[in-house]
Amino acid sequence: MTNIKITKMHGCGNDFVFLDYEEFQKSGKSLEELAKQLCDRHFGVGADGMIIPVPYEDEDADIAWHYYNSDGTTAQMCGNGMRCFARYVFDRNYVNSKEFRVKTLAGIIKPQILDNGLIKVNMGTPILENEKIPFCAPSTSWSGFSEVKNEDYKLTVKGKTFKITPVSMGNPHCVIFVKDNPFDFAKNYGPEIEKHHYFPEKTNVEFVKIISRNEAEMCVYERGCGITLACGTGACATVVASVLNNLTENNVQVNLSGGAVNIEWEGTKEAPNKDIYLIGPAQYVFYADFML
């Protein structure tokens, strides 16, 4: 038997197991095996994902991470996970500033710890080109939202047709606006849309109910996780899609099952090449020794 030290954290109920790189090496397991074991809610700690800080010495970033979903697959980015990561590495003095750069599979992400305790993350620029999302549209004769009406995208599962807005925040998203309870839609249609052939790398699926020009309610079916209480990249994708469809302003409170986050984006349909910011909490749950 081997004991490893772990930390449990969450951002709006989206929960993660953290361990240092030395603890991972001590485990003797692959990252995929360890993620599956630790994230299991019956036989492990229970989490939506596993995060491991990785030393990174380069001029473009201050630190890197390994991020794994609960099913053992990797993910390019996770907004709630990044907020927790920022708190975790700053509290352990792995970085020496409240604002720093993190190397991820989605590129360089820049979190900032605010004076009020919230974490603000520069999530980069939304990706809207089909081939980069990746999204295999029914018609691929265009590239970019400026050349097509969003309502031209439709997807049918279980006999129901949805209008969709595909967006990437470093990971693929399929945003769908609904009039009724988003959770019911996520439960009934999320699994089929996640693996729809329009999305060759699968997709996160956001069902969104617009409350006002500055507020929305969202439930997510996450790729590799299922329904979760929150998704930071999904909240960003939601606001991008809402602005592109002229449903909200650019500063929006997104209400998730586990809490609320604020999204700020200056982009427009005509000029979408603007950074988007995610602001929300990151909280510790417990520290423990885990027996493998």
Protein backbone atom coordinates (compact mmCIF):
# COMPACT_ATOMS: atom_id res chain seq x y z
CA MET A 1 0.00 0.00 0.00
CA THR A 2 1.12 3.55 -0.80
CA ASN A 3 -0.16 6.75 0.78
CA ILE A 4 -0.27 9.95 -1.26
CA LYS A 5 -1.21 13.41 -0.05
CA ILE A 6 -4.16 14.98 -1.87
CA THR A 7 -6.18 18.19 -1.66
CA LYS A 8 -9.85 18.52 -2.62
CA MET A 9 -11.04 21.87 -4.03
CA HIS A 10 -14.05 23.17 -5.91
CA GLY A 11 -15.15 26.14 -8.00
CA CYS A 12 -18.93 26.56 -7.83
CA GLY A 13 -19.29 22.85 -7.12
CA ASN A 14 -17.06 21.75 -10.01
CA ASP A 15 -14.66 19.67 -7.89
CA PHE A 16 -11.07 18.57 -8.31
CA VAL A 17 -8.42 16.41 -6.67
CA PHE A 18 -5.00 18.08 -6.47
CA LEU A 19 -1.70 16.38 -5.81
CA ASP A 20 1.87 17.48 -6.30
CA TYR A 21 4.00 15.96 -9.04
CA GLU A 22 6.14 14.10 -6.48
CA GLU A 23 3.01 12.46 -5.08
CA PHE A 24 2.00 11.33 -8.57
CA GLN A 25 5.43 9.79 -9.10
CA LYS A 26 5.16 8.04 -5.74
CA SER A 27 1.88 6.44 -6.83
CA GLY A 28 3.53 4.32 -9.51
CA LYS A 29 0.45 4.72 -11.70
CA SER A 30 -0.14 6.37 -15.04
CA LEU A 31 -1.93 9.72 -15.05
CA GLU A 32 -4.97 8.08 -16.66
CA GLU A 33 -5.14 5.30 -14.05
CA LEU A 34 -4.65 7.70 -11.15
CA ALA A 35 -7.33 10.10 -12.40
CA LYS A 36 -9.88 7.30 -12.74
CA GLN A 37 -9.11 5.97 -9.24
CA LEU A 38 -9.04 9.29 -7.39
CA CYS A 39 -12.08 10.77 -9.15
CA ASP A 40 -14.31 7.74 -8.59
CA ARG A 41 -17.15 8.88 -6.28
CA HIS A 42 -17.64 5.43 -4.73
CA PHE A 43 -14.13 3.97 -4.45
CA GLY A 44 -11.98 7.11 -4.57
CA VAL A 45 -12.02 10.70 -3.41
CA GLY A 46 -14.71 11.74 -5.88
CA ALA A 47 -14.15 14.62 -8.32
CA ASP A 48 -14.83 15.90 -11.80
CA GLY A 49 -11.12 16.06 -12.55
CA MET A 50 -7.55 15.58 -11.32
CA ILE A 51 -5.00 18.41 -11.45
CA ILE A 52 -1.23 18.21 -10.96
CA PRO A 53 1.05 21.30 -11.01
CA VAL A 54 4.13 20.79 -13.19
CA PRO A 55 7.34 22.86 -12.97
CA TYR A 56 7.85 24.81 -16.19
CA GLU A 57 10.87 26.96 -16.85
CA ASP A 58 10.41 28.99 -20.01
CA GLU A 59 9.96 32.62 -20.92
CA ASP A 60 6.33 32.15 -22.00
CA ALA A 61 4.94 30.64 -18.75
CA ASP A 62 5.63 30.40 -15.02
CA ILE A 63 4.12 26.98 -14.36
CA ALA A 64 2.22 24.20 -16.16
CA TRP A 65 -0.39 21.61 -15.24
CA HIS A 66 -1.65 18.14 -15.99
CA TYR A 67 -5.46 18.11 -16.19
CA TYR A 68 -7.43 14.86 -16.44
CA ASN A 69 -11.18 14.29 -16.53
CA SER A 70 -12.78 11.76 -14.22
CA ASP A 71 -12.85 9.17 -17.02
CA GLY A 72 -9.09 9.38 -17.48
CA THR A 73 -9.11 11.54 -20.61
CA THR A 74 -7.21 14.80 -20.91
CA ALA A 75 -8.85 18.19 -21.42
CA GLN A 76 -7.29 21.22 -23.02
CA MET A 77 -8.69 23.64 -20.46
CA CYS A 78 -11.02 23.97 -17.46
CA GLY A 79 -12.01 27.39 -16.18
CA ASN A 80 -13.14 26.34 -12.72
CA GLY A 81 -10.12 24.07 -12.43
CA MET A 82 -7.84 26.96 -13.39
CA ARG A 83 -9.26 29.17 -10.63
CA CYS A 84 -8.63 26.42 -8.08
CA PHE A 85 -5.19 25.80 -9.57
CA ALA A 86 -4.32 29.49 -9.19
CA ARG A 87 -5.27 29.44 -5.52
CA TYR A 88 -3.47 26.14 -4.91
CA VAL A 89 -0.10 27.07 -6.45
CA PHE A 90 -0.08 30.60 -5.02
CA ASP A 91 -0.81 29.37 -1.49
CA ARG A 92 2.09 26.91 -1.79
CA ASN A 93 4.49 29.54 -3.14
CA TYR A 94 4.93 27.69 -6.44
CA VAL A 95 4.50 31.13 -8.01
CA ASN A 96 5.57 34.42 -6.45
CA SER A 97 2.95 36.76 -7.88
CA LYS A 98 -0.84 37.04 -7.74
CA GLU A 99 -0.86 37.23 -11.52
CA PHE A 100 1.01 34.60 -13.53
CA ARG A 101 1.03 32.45 -16.68
CA VAL A 102 0.07 28.78 -16.92
CA LYS A 103 1.02 26.46 -19.76
CA THR A 104 -1.98 24.33 -20.81
CA LEU A 105 -2.96 22.27 -23.83
CA ALA A 106 -5.09 25.27 -24.83
CA GLY A 107 -2.10 27.61 -24.72
CA ILE A 108 -1.02 30.14 -22.10
CA ILE A 109 -3.73 31.02 -19.55
CA LYS A 110 -3.33 34.00 -17.20
CA PRO A 111 -5.06 33.83 -13.81
CA GLN A 112 -5.08 36.66 -11.28
CA ILE A 113 -5.94 36.48 -7.58
CA LEU A 114 -8.02 39.54 -6.74
CA ASP A 115 -7.95 41.39 -3.43
CA ASN A 116 -11.51 40.23 -2.63
CA GLY A 117 -10.41 36.59 -2.84
CA LEU A 118 -12.04 35.85 -6.17
CA ILE A 119 -9.98 34.59 -9.08
CA LYS A 120 -10.03 36.36 -12.44
CA VAL A 121 -8.79 34.31 -15.38
CA ASN A 122 -7.94 35.62 -18.82
CA MET A 123 -9.31 32.68 -20.80
CA GLY A 124 -7.88 33.89 -24.09
CA THR A 125 -9.74 34.46 -27.34
CA PRO A 126 -12.77 32.34 -28.29
CA ILE A 127 -12.20 30.11 -31.31
CA LEU A 128 -14.98 30.22 -33.90
CA GLU A 129 -13.48 28.55 -36.97
CA ASN A 130 -15.03 25.14 -37.65
CA GLU A 131 -11.80 23.29 -38.23
CA LYS A 132 -10.26 24.60 -35.03
CA ILE A 133 -13.21 23.85 -32.70
CA PRO A 134 -13.36 21.17 -34.28
CA PHE A 135 -16.89 21.19 -35.70
CA CYS A 136 -17.88 19.36 -38.88
CA ALA A 137 -20.80 21.48 -39.98
CA PRO A 138 -23.41 20.14 -42.42
CA SER A 139 -21.94 22.65 -44.88
CA THR A 140 -18.25 23.50 -44.65
CA SER A 141 -18.13 26.12 -47.36
CA TRP A 142 -17.42 28.92 -44.93
CA SER A 143 -14.98 29.75 -42.13
CA GLY A 144 -15.97 32.16 -39.40
CA PHE A 145 -19.18 33.39 -37.80
CA SER A 146 -19.08 36.64 -39.74
CA GLU A 147 -20.04 34.74 -42.91
CA VAL A 148 -23.06 32.81 -41.67
CA LYS A 149 -26.18 33.30 -39.60
CA ASN A 150 -25.95 31.35 -36.33
CA GLU A 151 -29.43 29.94 -36.81
CA ASP A 152 -28.17 28.04 -39.86
CA TYR A 153 -26.63 25.45 -37.54
CA LYS A 154 -28.97 22.68 -36.48
CA LEU A 155 -28.46 19.29 -34.87
CA THR A 156 -30.99 16.49 -34.36
CA VAL A 157 -30.87 13.86 -31.58
CA LYS A 158 -33.63 11.57 -30.29
CA GLY A 159 -36.05 13.09 -32.80
CA LYS A 160 -35.56 16.67 -31.56
CA THR A 161 -33.83 19.39 -33.59
CA PHE A 162 -31.81 22.09 -31.81
CA LYS A 163 -30.31 25.32 -33.08
CA ILE A 164 -26.71 25.28 -31.93
CA THR A 165 -23.75 27.65 -31.66
CA PRO A 166 -20.37 25.87 -31.72
CA VAL A 167 -17.53 27.63 -29.86
CA SER A 168 -14.13 26.57 -28.62
CA MET A 169 -12.46 27.93 -25.49
CA GLY A 170 -9.49 25.68 -26.15
CA ASN A 171 -11.98 22.83 -25.77
CA PRO A 172 -15.13 22.32 -27.88
CA HIS A 173 -18.56 23.56 -26.81
CA CYS A 174 -22.05 23.28 -28.26
CA VAL A 175 -24.30 26.03 -26.88
CA ILE A 176 -28.08 25.61 -27.08
CA PHE A 177 -30.64 28.18 -25.94
CA VAL A 178 -33.81 26.83 -24.32
CA LYS A 179 -36.97 28.28 -22.77
CA ASP A 180 -37.42 25.68 -20.03
CA ASN A 181 -35.30 24.02 -17.33
CA PRO A 182 -31.75 23.59 -18.72
CA PHE A 183 -31.08 20.61 -16.41
CA ASP A 184 -33.84 18.56 -18.01
CA PHE A 185 -32.37 19.16 -21.45
CA ALA A 186 -28.84 18.30 -20.27
CA LYS A 187 -30.08 15.06 -18.74
CA ASN A 188 -32.18 14.01 -21.72
CA TYR A 189 -30.04 15.15 -24.64
CA GLY A 190 -26.52 15.85 -23.34
CA PRO A 191 -25.09 12.32 -23.76
CA GLU A 192 -26.11 12.07 -27.41
CA ILE A 193 -24.92 15.56 -28.34
CA GLU A 194 -21.59 15.08 -26.54
CA LYS A 195 -20.65 12.33 -29.00
CA HIS A 196 -22.50 13.62 -32.09
CA HIS A 197 -20.55 13.13 -35.31
CA TYR A 198 -20.53 16.90 -35.92
CA PHE A 199 -17.92 17.04 -33.12
CA PRO A 200 -15.06 14.65 -33.96
CA GLU A 201 -13.37 15.16 -30.56
CA LYS A 202 -16.73 15.08 -28.73
CA THR A 203 -18.02 18.26 -27.11
CA ASN A 204 -19.18 19.93 -23.94
CA VAL A 205 -22.87 20.79 -24.20
CA GLU A 206 -24.39 23.91 -22.61
CA PHE A 207 -28.14 24.37 -22.32
CA VAL A 208 -28.83 28.03 -21.60
CA LYS A 209 -31.89 29.96 -20.46
CA ILE A 210 -31.60 33.73 -20.87
CA ILE A 211 -32.93 35.64 -17.87
CA SER A 212 -32.01 39.19 -18.92
CA ARG A 213 -29.47 41.05 -21.01
CA ASN A 214 -26.98 40.61 -18.17
CA GLU A 215 -27.93 37.26 -16.66
CA ALA A 216 -28.26 33.68 -17.86
CA GLU A 217 -28.84 30.23 -16.37
CA MET A 218 -26.78 27.34 -17.69
CA CYS A 219 -26.53 23.57 -17.18
CA VAL A 220 -23.64 21.69 -18.74
CA TYR A 221 -23.06 18.14 -19.88
CA GLU A 222 -19.28 18.01 -19.78
CA ARG A 223 -17.22 15.96 -22.18
CA GLY A 224 -15.72 13.07 -20.24
CA CYS A 225 -17.63 13.88 -17.02
CA GLY A 226 -21.38 14.10 -17.63
CA ILE A 227 -23.53 16.67 -15.87
CA THR A 228 -21.46 18.79 -13.48
CA LEU A 229 -22.36 21.63 -11.14
CA ALA A 230 -20.31 24.17 -13.06
CA CYS A 231 -18.07 24.66 -16.09
CA GLY A 232 -15.93 27.77 -16.46
CA THR A 233 -15.10 27.35 -20.15
CA GLY A 234 -18.79 26.54 -20.68
CA ALA A 235 -19.81 29.79 -19.00
CA CYS A 236 -17.44 31.65 -21.32
CA ALA A 237 -18.76 29.84 -24.38
CA THR A 238 -22.29 30.64 -23.22
CA VAL A 239 -21.62 34.39 -23.18
CA VAL A 240 -19.81 34.29 -26.51
CA ALA A 241 -22.79 32.50 -28.08
CA SER A 242 -25.25 34.84 -26.34
CA VAL A 243 -23.50 37.92 -27.72
CA LEU A 244 -23.17 36.42 -31.21
CA ASN A 245 -26.91 35.74 -31.18
CA ASN A 246 -27.68 39.21 -29.73
CA LEU A 247 -29.27 37.77 -26.59
CA THR A 248 -27.12 39.47 -23.93
CA GLU A 249 -24.65 42.26 -23.36
CA ASN A 250 -20.93 41.57 -22.92
CA ASN A 251 -20.86 41.48 -19.10
CA VAL A 252 -23.02 38.61 -17.88
CA GLN A 253 -23.65 36.74 -14.64
CA VAL A 254 -23.95 33.06 -15.48
CA ASN A 255 -25.87 31.06 -12.89
CA LEU A 256 -24.64 27.48 -12.64
CA SER A 257 -26.00 24.63 -10.57
CA GLY A 258 -23.19 25.14 -8.03
CA GLY A 259 -23.05 28.93 -7.95
CA ALA A 260 -22.55 31.98 -10.13
CA VAL A 261 -19.62 33.36 -12.13
CA ASN A 262 -19.19 36.61 -14.03
CA ILE A 263 -18.02 36.71 -17.62
CA GLU A 264 -16.59 39.80 -19.34
CA TRP A 265 -16.04 39.91 -23.11
CA GLU A 266 -15.66 42.90 -25.42
CA GLY A 267 -16.10 40.87 -28.59
CA THR A 268 -18.87 41.17 -31.19
CA LYS A 269 -20.02 39.06 -34.10
CA GLU A 270 -18.13 41.39 -36.44
CA ALA A 271 -15.03 41.62 -34.20
CA PRO A 272 -14.82 38.48 -32.01
CA ASN A 273 -11.04 38.48 -31.60
CA LYS A 274 -11.10 39.75 -28.00
CA ASP A 275 -9.98 38.07 -24.76
CA ILE A 276 -12.68 36.80 -22.43
CA TYR A 277 -12.47 36.89 -18.61
CA LEU A 278 -13.90 34.46 -16.05
CA ILE A 279 -14.35 35.71 -12.46
CA GLY A 280 -15.41 33.47 -9.60
CA PRO A 281 -14.48 31.70 -6.36
CA ALA A 282 -12.06 28.86 -5.61
CA GLN A 283 -12.49 27.00 -2.33
CA TYR A 284 -10.73 24.28 -0.37
CA VAL A 285 -12.73 21.27 0.79
CA PHE A 286 -10.19 19.10 2.65
CA TYR A 287 -6.66 17.70 2.80
CA ALA A 288 -6.09 13.97 3.20
CA ASP A 289 -3.78 10.99 2.85
CA PHE A 290 -5.16 8.62 0.24
CA MET A 291 -4.26 4.93 0.33
CA LEU A 292 -3.64 3.35 -3.08
